[in-house]
Amino acid sequence: MILFKPEHVATILSGRKTQTRRGGQRRWNVGSVHSCYTRPPFAKGGAEPFCRVRILDVRRSEPISSLSDDDVHAEGYDSWPEFWDVWCRINGGGSSPTATPWVVEFEVVP
């Protein structure tokens, strides 16, 4: 299971978002397939997955402030400031641009 914000569903389904950065411990293995949700399936009222993804790569990121344009685009954004605004909203206003989260590359599978 991988949770995404509802605002990411369209960019994932269109193939525009193919990476996600996550803090904490490594939780996914290359080659594994996971259902994607916008809220936990065990939450009140349940939830249906919006797609399934195959994990292509998992690695430690460079500092967030050093993301390349290609990485920003793979995250589904047009610019680093746009990415950073969303990153801070999701991960808290105290997020550090020197953070090195996990990068999870994926592809949508039928």
Protein backbone atom coordinates (compact mmCIF):
# COMPACT_ATOMS: atom_id res chain seq x y z
CA MET A 1 0.00 0.00 0.00
CA ILE A 2 1.19 3.50 -0.84
CA LEU A 3 -0.73 6.61 0.21
CA PHE A 4 -0.83 9.69 -1.99
CA LYS A 5 -2.61 13.02 -1.64
CA PRO A 6 -5.74 13.26 -3.83
CA GLU A 7 -4.07 16.05 -5.84
CA HIS A 8 -1.50 13.51 -7.12
CA VAL A 9 -3.97 11.01 -8.57
CA ALA A 10 -4.32 12.66 -12.00
CA THR A 11 -0.56 13.12 -12.48
CA ILE A 12 0.09 9.50 -11.48
CA LEU A 13 -2.62 8.11 -13.77
CA SER A 14 -1.38 10.26 -16.67
CA GLY A 15 2.20 9.00 -16.20
CA ARG A 16 3.51 12.47 -15.38
CA LYS A 17 4.36 11.61 -11.74
CA THR A 18 6.75 8.65 -11.63
CA GLN A 19 8.65 9.42 -8.42
CA THR A 20 7.73 10.08 -4.83
CA ARG A 21 9.99 11.09 -1.98
CA ARG A 22 9.36 9.69 1.46
CA GLY A 23 10.94 10.19 4.86
CA GLY A 24 11.44 7.48 7.44
CA GLN A 25 12.62 3.98 6.73
CA ARG A 26 12.75 2.18 3.41
CA ARG A 27 9.42 0.38 3.03
CA TRP A 28 9.27 -0.82 -0.57
CA ASN A 29 11.29 -3.29 -2.61
CA VAL A 30 12.23 -3.03 -6.28
CA GLY A 31 9.87 -5.15 -8.40
CA SER A 32 7.07 -5.23 -5.83
CA VAL A 33 3.56 -4.13 -6.83
CA HIS A 34 1.43 -2.00 -4.51
CA SER A 35 -2.09 -0.63 -4.45
CA CYS A 36 -2.29 3.17 -4.21
CA TYR A 37 -4.82 4.96 -2.05
CA THR A 38 -5.70 8.50 -1.09
CA ARG A 39 -6.63 7.34 2.41
CA PRO A 40 -5.98 4.12 4.29
CA PRO A 41 -8.27 1.28 3.19
CA PHE A 42 -9.01 0.49 6.84
CA ALA A 43 -10.26 4.05 7.49
CA LYS A 44 -13.91 4.54 8.37
CA GLY A 45 -15.97 3.94 5.26
CA GLY A 46 -13.16 2.04 3.56
CA ALA A 47 -11.28 3.11 0.47
CA GLU A 48 -10.67 1.72 -2.98
CA PRO A 49 -7.25 1.87 -4.64
CA PHE A 50 -7.02 4.30 -7.54
CA CYS A 51 -4.25 2.26 -9.24
CA ARG A 52 -1.45 -0.22 -8.74
CA VAL A 53 2.23 0.59 -9.22
CA ARG A 54 5.40 -1.44 -9.70
CA ILE A 55 8.46 -0.18 -7.83
CA LEU A 56 11.33 0.41 -10.26
CA ASP A 57 13.95 1.83 -7.90
CA VAL A 58 14.37 2.86 -4.27
CA ARG A 59 17.34 4.98 -3.21
CA ARG A 60 18.35 7.79 -0.89
CA SER A 61 17.77 11.20 -2.41
CA GLU A 62 20.19 14.00 -2.79
CA PRO A 63 19.23 16.97 -0.61
CA ILE A 64 15.81 18.29 -1.61
CA SER A 65 17.40 21.63 -2.53
CA SER A 66 19.57 19.84 -5.14
CA LEU A 67 16.80 18.16 -7.11
CA SER A 68 17.37 18.30 -10.85
CA ASP A 69 14.72 19.61 -13.22
CA ASP A 70 14.20 16.00 -14.36
CA ASP A 71 13.50 14.89 -10.78
CA VAL A 72 11.12 17.80 -10.19
CA HIS A 73 9.25 16.84 -13.38
CA ALA A 74 9.21 13.15 -12.36
CA GLU A 75 7.58 14.31 -9.11
CA GLY A 76 4.83 15.83 -11.27
CA TYR A 77 5.79 19.51 -10.93
CA ASP A 78 6.91 22.23 -13.33
CA SER A 79 9.45 23.91 -11.04
CA TRP A 80 11.40 23.39 -7.83
CA PRO A 81 9.52 26.20 -6.01
CA GLU A 82 6.21 24.53 -6.91
CA PHE A 83 7.53 21.17 -5.65
CA TRP A 84 8.93 22.78 -2.47
CA ASP A 85 5.62 24.48 -1.66
CA VAL A 86 3.77 21.18 -1.85
CA TRP A 87 6.55 19.29 -0.01
CA CYS A 88 6.34 21.76 2.91
CA ARG A 89 2.54 21.62 3.00
CA ILE A 90 2.57 17.80 3.09
CA ASN A 91 5.60 17.32 5.33
CA GLY A 92 5.33 20.33 7.57
CA GLY A 93 6.50 23.92 7.35
CA GLY A 94 9.69 23.07 9.23
CA SER A 95 10.93 20.84 6.40
CA SER A 96 14.61 21.24 5.67
CA PRO A 97 15.90 21.74 2.12
CA THR A 98 18.88 19.60 3.18
CA ALA A 99 16.65 16.58 3.95
CA THR A 100 17.58 13.39 2.07
CA PRO A 101 14.39 11.31 1.85
CA TRP A 102 13.96 8.03 0.03
CA VAL A 103 13.20 8.28 -3.70
CA VAL A 104 10.69 5.70 -4.89
CA GLU A 105 10.44 5.40 -8.68
CA PHE A 106 7.36 3.61 -9.99
CA GLU A 107 5.20 2.84 -12.99
CA VAL A 108 1.45 2.30 -13.14
CA VAL A 109 0.52 -1.31 -13.95
CA PRO A 110 -2.80 -2.68 -15.18
